[in-house]
Protein backbone atom coordinates (compact mmCIF):
# COMPACT_ATOMS: atom_id res chain seq x y z
CA MET A 1 -128.50 175.83 68.85
CA GLU A 2 -130.70 177.12 66.04
CA GLU A 3 -127.69 178.51 64.15
CA TYR A 4 -126.35 174.98 63.68
CA LYS A 5 -129.53 173.57 62.19
CA LEU A 6 -129.66 172.67 58.55
CA HIS A 7 -132.87 172.26 56.59
CA LYS A 8 -132.04 170.11 53.60
CA ASN A 9 -133.56 166.98 52.12
CA ILE A 10 -131.00 164.24 52.77
CA LEU A 11 -131.48 160.57 51.93
CA CYS A 12 -129.39 157.93 53.71
CA ILE A 13 -129.72 154.69 51.73
CA ASP A 14 -128.47 151.33 52.99
CA LEU A 15 -128.38 148.14 50.94
CA LYS A 16 -130.06 145.56 53.13
CA SER A 17 -127.69 142.76 54.26
CA PHE A 18 -125.68 143.64 51.18
CA TYR A 19 -123.20 140.76 50.80
CA ALA A 20 -125.83 138.15 51.64
CA SER A 21 -128.37 139.84 49.36
CA VAL A 22 -125.92 139.80 46.44
CA GLU A 23 -125.38 136.07 46.95
CA CYS A 24 -129.15 135.53 47.02
CA ALA A 25 -129.62 137.63 43.88
CA LEU A 26 -126.95 135.60 42.06
CA SER A 27 -128.65 132.34 43.08
CA GLY A 28 -132.24 133.49 42.52
CA LEU A 29 -133.07 133.15 46.22
CA ASP A 30 -135.35 135.29 48.40
CA PRO A 31 -133.20 136.83 51.21
CA PHE A 32 -136.31 137.05 53.42
CA LYS A 33 -136.85 133.27 53.24
CA THR A 34 -133.30 131.92 52.88
CA PRO A 35 -130.89 131.00 55.75
CA LEU A 36 -127.74 132.12 53.94
CA VAL A 37 -124.52 133.47 55.45
CA VAL A 38 -121.42 134.90 53.81
CA ALA A 39 -118.42 133.27 55.47
CA ASP A 40 -115.37 131.21 54.56
CA LYS A 41 -116.12 127.92 56.28
CA SER A 42 -112.69 126.56 55.32
CA ARG A 43 -111.09 128.94 57.84
CA GLY A 44 -112.75 127.12 60.71
CA GLY A 45 -115.39 127.94 63.30
CA GLY A 46 -113.64 131.13 64.37
CA SER A 47 -114.03 132.68 60.93
CA ILE A 48 -116.00 135.93 60.77
CA VAL A 49 -119.50 135.87 59.29
CA LEU A 50 -119.56 138.93 57.03
CA ALA A 51 -123.31 139.00 56.50
CA VAL A 52 -126.50 137.05 57.11
CA THR A 53 -129.80 137.29 55.29
CA PRO A 54 -132.76 139.27 56.69
CA TYR A 55 -134.40 135.87 57.30
CA LEU A 56 -131.67 134.87 59.76
CA LYS A 57 -131.71 138.34 61.33
CA SER A 58 -135.43 137.86 62.03
CA LEU A 59 -134.47 134.75 64.00
CA GLY A 60 -132.07 136.76 66.14
CA VAL A 61 -128.83 135.91 64.35
CA PRO A 62 -126.50 138.95 64.44
CA ASN A 63 -125.10 140.32 61.19
CA ARG A 64 -121.51 139.99 62.42
CA CYS A 65 -120.54 136.95 64.46
CA ARG A 66 -118.33 133.85 64.25
CA ILE A 67 -119.31 130.66 62.46
CA TYR A 68 -119.37 128.72 65.74
CA GLU A 69 -121.97 131.18 67.09
CA LEU A 70 -124.50 130.39 64.34
CA PRO A 71 -127.56 128.32 65.37
CA LYS A 72 -127.07 124.59 65.02
CA ASN A 73 -130.75 123.75 64.40
CA ILE A 74 -130.93 125.53 61.01
CA LYS A 75 -129.61 124.13 57.72
CA ILE A 76 -127.49 127.14 56.81
CA ILE A 77 -126.32 127.85 53.27
CA TYR A 78 -122.71 129.08 53.18
CA ARG A 79 -121.28 131.35 50.52
CA LYS A 80 -117.58 132.14 50.41
CA PRO A 81 -116.95 135.94 50.28
CA ARG A 82 -116.49 137.30 46.76
CA MET A 83 -115.41 140.90 47.24
CA GLU A 84 -114.88 141.56 43.55
CA LYS A 85 -118.51 140.63 42.84
CA TYR A 86 -119.79 142.81 45.72
CA LEU A 87 -117.75 145.75 44.43
CA GLU A 88 -119.24 145.16 40.98
CA TYR A 89 -122.78 145.37 42.39
CA SER A 90 -121.88 148.39 44.52
CA THR A 91 -120.49 150.22 41.48
CA LYS A 92 -123.62 149.45 39.47
CA ILE A 93 -125.83 150.82 42.25
CA ILE A 94 -123.70 153.96 42.60
CA GLU A 95 -124.16 154.50 38.87
CA THR A 96 -127.90 154.23 39.52
CA TYR A 97 -127.70 157.01 42.13
CA LEU A 98 -125.90 159.17 39.57
CA ASP A 99 -128.86 158.76 37.23
CA TYR A 100 -130.85 160.81 39.76
CA VAL A 101 -128.36 163.23 41.36
CA SER A 102 -125.03 164.76 40.37
CA GLU A 103 -121.79 163.53 41.92
CA GLU A 104 -121.33 166.59 44.16
CA ASP A 105 -124.66 165.76 45.84
CA MET A 106 -123.61 162.23 46.74
CA TYR A 107 -121.38 161.06 49.59
CA VAL A 108 -120.49 157.34 49.57
CA TYR A 109 -120.26 156.39 53.25
CA SER A 110 -119.37 152.72 52.70
CA ILE A 111 -119.71 149.95 50.12
CA ASP A 112 -123.40 149.60 50.99
CA GLU A 113 -124.42 153.01 52.34
CA VAL A 114 -124.70 156.43 50.73
CA PHE A 115 -125.99 159.93 51.48
CA LEU A 116 -127.80 161.87 48.75
CA ASP A 117 -128.75 165.54 48.95
CA VAL A 118 -131.95 165.73 46.89
CA THR A 119 -132.79 169.30 47.91
CA PRO A 120 -132.02 170.73 44.42
CA TYR A 121 -134.08 168.00 42.70
CA LEU A 122 -137.50 168.40 44.31
CA ASN A 123 -138.67 170.88 41.68
CA TYR A 124 -136.88 169.07 38.87
CA TYR A 125 -138.69 165.78 39.51
CA LYS A 126 -141.84 167.45 40.86
CA LYS A 127 -141.70 164.95 43.70
CA THR A 128 -141.22 165.01 47.46
CA ASP A 129 -138.05 163.63 49.03
CA TYR A 130 -140.08 160.58 50.08
CA GLU A 131 -141.25 159.99 46.50
CA ILE A 132 -137.70 160.36 45.17
CA ALA A 133 -136.51 157.82 47.74
CA ARG A 134 -139.23 155.38 46.66
CA MET A 135 -138.27 155.90 43.02
CA ILE A 136 -134.58 155.16 43.68
CA LEU A 137 -135.22 152.12 45.91
CA ASP A 138 -137.57 150.62 43.31
CA ARG A 139 -134.98 151.16 40.58
CA ILE A 140 -132.24 149.46 42.65
CA TYR A 141 -134.43 146.40 43.14
CA LYS A 142 -135.53 146.32 39.49
CA ASP A 143 -131.92 146.40 38.25
CA THR A 144 -130.20 144.20 40.84
CA LYS A 145 -132.84 142.39 42.94
CA ILE A 146 -131.20 143.98 46.01
CA TYR A 147 -133.50 145.36 48.73
CA SER A 148 -132.57 148.71 50.29
CA THR A 149 -133.76 150.94 53.10
CA CYS A 150 -133.77 154.73 53.40
CA GLY A 151 -133.79 157.33 56.14
CA ILE A 152 -134.77 160.91 55.26
CA GLY A 153 -133.88 163.98 57.30
CA PRO A 154 -132.99 167.69 57.22
CA ASN A 155 -129.32 166.83 57.80
CA MET A 156 -127.09 163.79 57.49
CA LEU A 157 -127.28 162.88 61.17
CA ILE A 158 -131.09 162.79 61.31
CA ALA A 159 -131.25 160.90 58.02
CA LYS A 160 -128.86 158.31 59.47
CA LEU A 161 -130.85 158.06 62.72
CA ALA A 162 -134.09 157.62 60.76
CA LEU A 163 -132.41 154.84 58.79
CA ASP A 164 -130.97 152.98 61.78
CA ILE A 165 -133.86 153.35 64.20
CA GLU A 166 -137.02 153.29 62.08
CA SER A 167 -136.65 152.60 58.36
CA LYS A 168 -135.35 149.04 58.72
CA HIS A 169 -138.56 148.16 60.58
CA SER A 170 -140.90 150.18 58.33
CA PRO A 171 -143.22 148.22 55.96
CA ASP A 172 -141.85 150.08 52.91
CA PHE A 173 -138.28 150.43 54.32
CA ILE A 174 -138.48 154.25 54.32
CA ALA A 175 -138.65 156.58 57.33
CA LYS A 176 -138.63 160.38 57.38
CA TRP A 177 -137.70 162.42 60.45
CA GLU A 178 -137.81 166.16 61.05
CA TYR A 179 -136.30 168.12 63.94
CA GLU A 180 -139.66 168.12 65.71
CA ASP A 181 -139.65 164.29 65.68
CA ILE A 182 -136.53 164.09 67.84
CA PRO A 183 -138.29 164.32 71.26
CA ASN A 184 -140.79 161.57 70.38
CA LYS A 185 -138.62 159.26 68.28
CA LEU A 186 -135.06 159.69 69.55
CA TRP A 187 -135.27 160.73 73.20
CA PRO A 188 -137.02 157.52 74.42
CA ILE A 189 -134.26 155.34 72.91
CA LYS A 190 -132.29 153.18 75.34
CA PRO A 191 -129.77 151.76 75.82
CA LEU A 192 -127.74 154.76 74.69
CA SER A 193 -125.57 152.64 72.40
CA GLU A 194 -128.57 152.24 70.09
CA MET A 195 -127.80 155.74 68.82
CA TRP A 196 -125.19 156.14 66.10
CA GLY A 197 -121.92 157.39 67.60
CA ILE A 198 -122.33 156.09 71.16
CA GLY A 199 -120.32 152.98 72.04
CA ARG A 200 -120.74 150.70 75.05
CA ASN A 201 -117.92 152.34 77.01
CA MET A 202 -119.35 155.83 76.53
CA GLU A 203 -122.74 154.42 77.48
CA LYS A 204 -121.28 153.19 80.79
CA ASN A 205 -119.72 156.60 81.41
CA PHE A 206 -123.06 158.31 80.81
CA ASN A 207 -124.87 155.77 83.00
CA GLN A 208 -122.63 156.76 85.91
CA LEU A 209 -124.01 160.30 85.52
CA GLY A 210 -127.60 159.06 85.61
CA ILE A 211 -127.97 159.27 81.82
CA TYR A 212 -129.78 156.14 80.61
CA LYS A 213 -131.77 157.21 77.57
CA ILE A 214 -131.15 159.78 74.84
CA GLY A 215 -133.62 162.21 76.41
CA ASP A 216 -131.54 162.23 79.60
CA LEU A 217 -128.50 163.20 77.52
CA ALA A 218 -130.47 165.92 75.71
CA HIS A 219 -131.42 167.54 79.02
CA TYR A 220 -128.02 167.28 80.71
CA ASP A 221 -125.81 170.34 81.22
CA VAL A 222 -123.70 170.55 78.05
CA LYS A 223 -120.95 172.47 79.88
CA LYS A 224 -120.54 169.62 82.36
CA LEU A 225 -120.46 167.10 79.53
CA LYS A 226 -117.75 169.04 77.72
CA LYS A 227 -115.72 169.43 80.92
CA LYS A 228 -115.85 165.69 81.65
CA PHE A 229 -115.63 164.21 78.12
CA GLY A 230 -114.24 167.05 76.00
CA VAL A 231 -115.51 167.74 72.50
CA ILE A 232 -117.02 164.23 72.27
CA GLY A 233 -119.39 164.97 75.16
CA GLU A 234 -120.45 168.26 73.59
CA GLU A 235 -120.88 166.70 70.15
CA LEU A 236 -123.06 163.86 71.48
CA TYR A 237 -125.19 166.37 73.39
CA TYR A 238 -125.98 168.20 70.15
CA HIS A 239 -126.52 164.89 68.36
CA SER A 240 -129.20 164.07 70.94
CA HIS A 241 -131.04 167.18 69.66
CA GLY A 242 -130.59 166.08 66.05
CA ILE A 243 -127.99 168.78 65.44
CA ASP A 244 -124.87 167.84 63.51
CA MET A 245 -121.94 170.13 64.33
CA SER A 246 -119.29 167.80 62.90
CA LEU A 247 -117.47 168.09 59.59
CA LEU A 248 -119.64 165.31 58.14
CA GLN A 249 -121.80 167.89 56.41
CA GLU A 250 -118.75 169.32 54.67
CA LYS A 251 -118.24 165.99 52.93
CA MET A 252 -121.29 166.74 50.83
CA LYS A 253 -119.29 169.60 49.32
CA ILE A 254 -116.38 167.47 48.09
CA LYS A 255 -115.83 168.12 44.39
CA PRO A 256 -115.82 165.15 41.98
CA GLY A 257 -112.13 165.60 41.21
CA ASN A 258 -111.08 165.71 44.85
CA LYS A 259 -110.27 162.02 45.29
CA SER A 260 -109.06 160.28 48.38
CA TYR A 261 -107.09 157.12 49.11
CA GLY A 262 -108.13 154.98 52.02
CA ILE A 263 -108.05 151.49 53.46
CA GLY A 264 -110.11 149.74 56.11
CA GLN A 265 -110.02 146.26 57.55
CA THR A 266 -112.02 144.14 59.97
CA LEU A 267 -109.75 142.19 62.30
CA PHE A 268 -110.18 138.50 63.10
CA GLU A 269 -109.64 139.05 66.82
CA ASP A 270 -109.64 141.87 69.35
CA TYR A 271 -106.60 144.16 69.23
CA TYR A 272 -105.34 146.58 71.88
CA LYS A 273 -102.26 148.73 72.35
CA PRO A 274 -99.48 148.17 71.48
CA GLU A 275 -100.29 145.47 68.86
CA ILE A 276 -102.72 147.78 67.04
CA TYR A 277 -99.83 150.11 66.15
CA GLN A 278 -98.50 147.39 63.83
CA ILE A 279 -101.82 147.32 61.94
CA ILE A 280 -101.94 151.12 61.71
CA GLN A 281 -98.38 151.29 60.37
CA GLU A 282 -99.12 148.73 57.66
CA MET A 283 -102.27 150.56 56.60
CA VAL A 284 -100.46 153.91 56.51
CA ASP A 285 -97.77 152.33 54.32
CA ASP A 286 -100.48 151.14 51.92
CA VAL A 287 -102.15 154.56 51.70
CA CYS A 288 -98.81 156.35 51.21
CA ARG A 289 -97.80 153.93 48.48
CA ARG A 290 -100.97 154.80 46.55
CA LEU A 291 -100.30 158.50 47.06
CA ARG A 292 -96.77 158.13 45.67
CA ILE A 293 -97.90 156.04 42.71
CA HIS A 294 -100.42 158.72 41.72
CA LYS A 295 -97.96 161.52 42.55
CA LYS A 296 -100.26 163.04 45.14
CA GLN A 297 -99.90 164.49 48.61
CA ALA A 298 -102.59 164.72 51.26
CA LYS A 299 -103.59 167.74 53.31
CA THR A 300 -105.99 165.88 55.62
CA ILE A 301 -105.86 162.48 57.31
CA HIS A 302 -108.94 160.59 58.51
CA PHE A 303 -108.51 157.88 61.14
CA GLY A 304 -111.11 155.67 62.75
CA LEU A 305 -111.49 152.62 65.00
CA GLY A 306 -114.46 150.30 65.39
CA TYR A 307 -114.81 148.41 68.65
CA SER A 308 -115.73 144.77 69.28
CA LYS A 309 -119.43 143.93 69.02
CA ASP A 310 -119.51 143.32 72.80
CA VAL A 311 -118.64 146.99 73.30
CA GLY A 312 -120.00 148.66 70.18
CA GLY A 313 -119.25 152.07 68.79
CA GLY A 314 -115.89 153.55 67.95
CA PHE A 315 -114.80 156.86 66.50
CA GLY A 316 -113.71 158.55 63.31
CA ARG A 317 -111.79 161.83 63.33
CA GLN A 318 -109.66 163.88 60.98
CA MET A 319 -106.66 166.18 61.29
CA LYS A 320 -104.92 168.53 58.88
CA LEU A 321 -101.23 168.06 58.22
CA ALA A 322 -98.88 171.02 58.72
CA GLN A 323 -98.31 170.81 54.95
CA PRO A 324 -99.28 168.35 52.18
CA SER A 325 -97.32 165.10 52.47
CA ASN A 326 -97.13 161.47 51.35
CA ILE A 327 -94.40 160.58 53.87
CA ALA A 328 -95.48 157.56 55.91
CA SER A 329 -93.93 158.73 59.19
CA HIS A 330 -95.85 162.03 59.01
CA ILE A 331 -99.20 160.34 58.42
CA TYR A 332 -98.55 157.63 61.00
CA LYS A 333 -97.86 160.29 63.67
CA VAL A 334 -101.20 161.96 62.92
CA CYS A 335 -103.04 158.63 63.26
CA VAL A 336 -101.35 157.91 66.59
CA LYS A 337 -102.13 161.42 67.82
CA LEU A 338 -105.83 160.96 66.98
CA MET A 339 -105.82 157.55 68.62
CA ASP A 340 -104.21 158.87 71.80
CA LYS A 341 -106.88 161.58 71.99
CA PHE A 342 -110.04 159.59 71.26
CA TYR A 343 -109.35 155.89 71.94
CA ASP A 344 -110.95 154.66 75.18
CA ASN A 345 -109.03 151.35 75.50
CA SER A 346 -111.93 149.22 74.20
CA PRO A 347 -111.15 146.04 72.21
CA ILE A 348 -110.61 147.01 68.55
CA ARG A 349 -112.12 145.06 65.63
CA SER A 350 -111.78 147.46 62.69
CA VAL A 351 -109.41 150.22 61.57
CA ARG A 352 -109.76 152.86 58.87
CA VAL A 353 -107.11 155.22 57.46
CA SER A 354 -107.67 157.58 54.55
CA ALA A 355 -105.91 160.55 52.98
CA THR A 356 -108.03 163.36 51.52
CA ASN A 357 -107.72 166.95 50.30
CA LEU A 358 -105.21 165.77 47.72
CA VAL A 359 -102.86 167.99 45.73
CA ASP A 360 -100.25 167.23 43.07
CA GLU A 361 -96.88 166.18 44.47
CA LYS A 362 -94.59 169.22 44.65
CA GLY A 363 -91.89 168.11 47.03
CA TYR A 364 -91.86 168.59 50.78
CA GLN A 365 -90.72 171.76 52.56
CA VAL A 366 -88.75 170.58 55.61
CA SER A 367 -89.25 172.71 58.71
CA LEU A 368 -86.49 173.89 61.04
CA PHE A 369 -87.47 171.15 63.49
CA GLU A 370 -87.11 168.24 61.05
CA ASP A 371 -84.14 166.24 59.83
CA ILE A 372 -83.94 166.93 56.08
CA GLU A 373 -81.72 163.89 55.51
CA ALA A 374 -84.17 161.59 57.29
CA VAL A 375 -87.17 162.90 55.29
CA THR A 376 -85.30 162.59 51.97
CA LYS A 377 -83.99 159.14 52.85
CA GLU A 378 -87.47 157.88 53.74
CA HIS A 379 -88.99 159.22 50.51
CA ASN A 380 -86.24 157.71 48.33
CA LEU A 381 -86.33 154.38 50.17
CA PHE A 382 -90.07 153.87 49.78
CA SER A 383 -90.04 155.07 46.15
CA THR A 384 -87.54 152.28 45.45
CA VAL A 385 -89.68 149.78 47.36
CA ASP A 386 -92.68 150.83 45.22
CA LYS A 387 -90.79 149.90 42.05
CA ILE A 388 -89.83 146.49 43.45
CA LYS A 389 -93.43 145.76 44.48
CA ASP A 390 -94.75 146.81 41.08
CA LYS A 391 -92.43 144.29 39.44
CA PHE A 392 -92.49 141.38 41.90
CA GLY A 393 -95.72 141.81 43.88
CA LYS A 394 -96.83 143.45 47.13
CA ASN A 395 -95.26 140.78 49.36
CA SER A 396 -91.84 140.93 47.66
CA VAL A 397 -90.63 143.62 50.10
CA THR A 398 -92.20 144.30 53.50
CA ARG A 399 -91.16 145.72 56.84
CA ALA A 400 -89.49 143.19 59.13
CA SER A 401 -92.36 143.81 61.55
CA SER A 402 -94.73 142.12 59.06
CA GLU A 403 -93.35 138.80 60.42
CA LEU A 404 -94.83 139.55 63.84
CA ASP A 405 -97.96 137.65 64.95
CA ALA A 406 -99.91 140.92 65.12
CA SER A 407 -99.34 141.61 61.40
CA THR A 408 -102.09 141.02 58.84
CA LEU A 409 -100.16 142.47 55.89
CA LYS A 410 -99.15 139.40 53.89
CA GLU A 411 -102.55 137.74 54.05
CA ARG A 412 -104.31 141.03 53.25
CA ASN A 413 -102.13 141.60 50.19
CA LYS A 414 -103.55 138.40 48.67
CA MET A 415 -107.14 139.62 48.97
CA ILE A 416 -109.61 142.37 48.11
CA GLY A 417 -111.00 144.20 51.10
CA GLY A 418 -109.47 141.59 53.40
CA HIS A 419 -111.45 138.75 51.81
CA ASN A 420 -111.24 136.40 48.86
CA ALA A 421 -111.40 138.18 45.53
């Protein structure tokens, strides 16, 4: 296992209750004393609550729930989602990170979470990783009035675990873990789904083997885990030792010019097969349209699912295409292949599709096993559709399947990030 260990200084920074904190900052409110939620009340009681303030979290209100699940004995302040404003704040904070590290040492994990490799900057700032973290968190608050938390570790996995498990409960919102902390800080954790990467279904599978806490997983026979669960079982075994064998570390090496195009959405209800295929197809169409517009082709496709809060967890995996492509049918097949391999039939609440490893569009070399007329026809058809959408709007031309009840396309096209702009 030693050969897989990395000894860097990684910060994992999370903006605390980001959407709710932005709304508090805009209104001059203290998120630790204010019962504010970000939700569109006009959509009814079943509408998703996107975020709640730390104050409400301290009362046991979950960050993601439905309006009807909120406590009735508290005078709650509602704020309609404003995705454009949240993106504005996120961009400002990312620019703050870039005041301290270069772009190749930053990996933006989500709108409110980022990994920074500060290893090369310890001597430059004459500070420890902990002191650099404190410096950055203070600057974020000074500039935006947004509170943030930070996990520090020798690799991205441990930094993320330190963030999720300890930093959010630490007095100064910072926690640092080393490999030697794993037995004392990670192994006692239960239920298993408390650890990043383990969902409720996988937890049940492990429980059937007598694995109830992370330490049980760390001491189980890795060969048996791999035989029963495949690469996921082996990967989670190493994660229980704080060792990250996944390609996540490689993302720190992405060059500034190596862009990607992706889309993610949180669903308003649980989806299963086969309805989820409609959502995936629409998202693939969106990603491919952006590739065509920018005259790019992708070498690698990332696909992920997030499960319902009652189950927890999910997965995110990637696969290389046989050759660079922006053809929707090619990318859709890769997503379905990844889903068939890793999906465990849990109720689905979020989907993510992204295309990376981009190259300039140079045509597509059809293999002996493909229909050249079909590939050419698909490319020409969607290029024409792109022109119509540019002129008349995204909803001017859609697949007939967008009229199905399972579709979210038309509503999503009116919004930013699936919510009001």
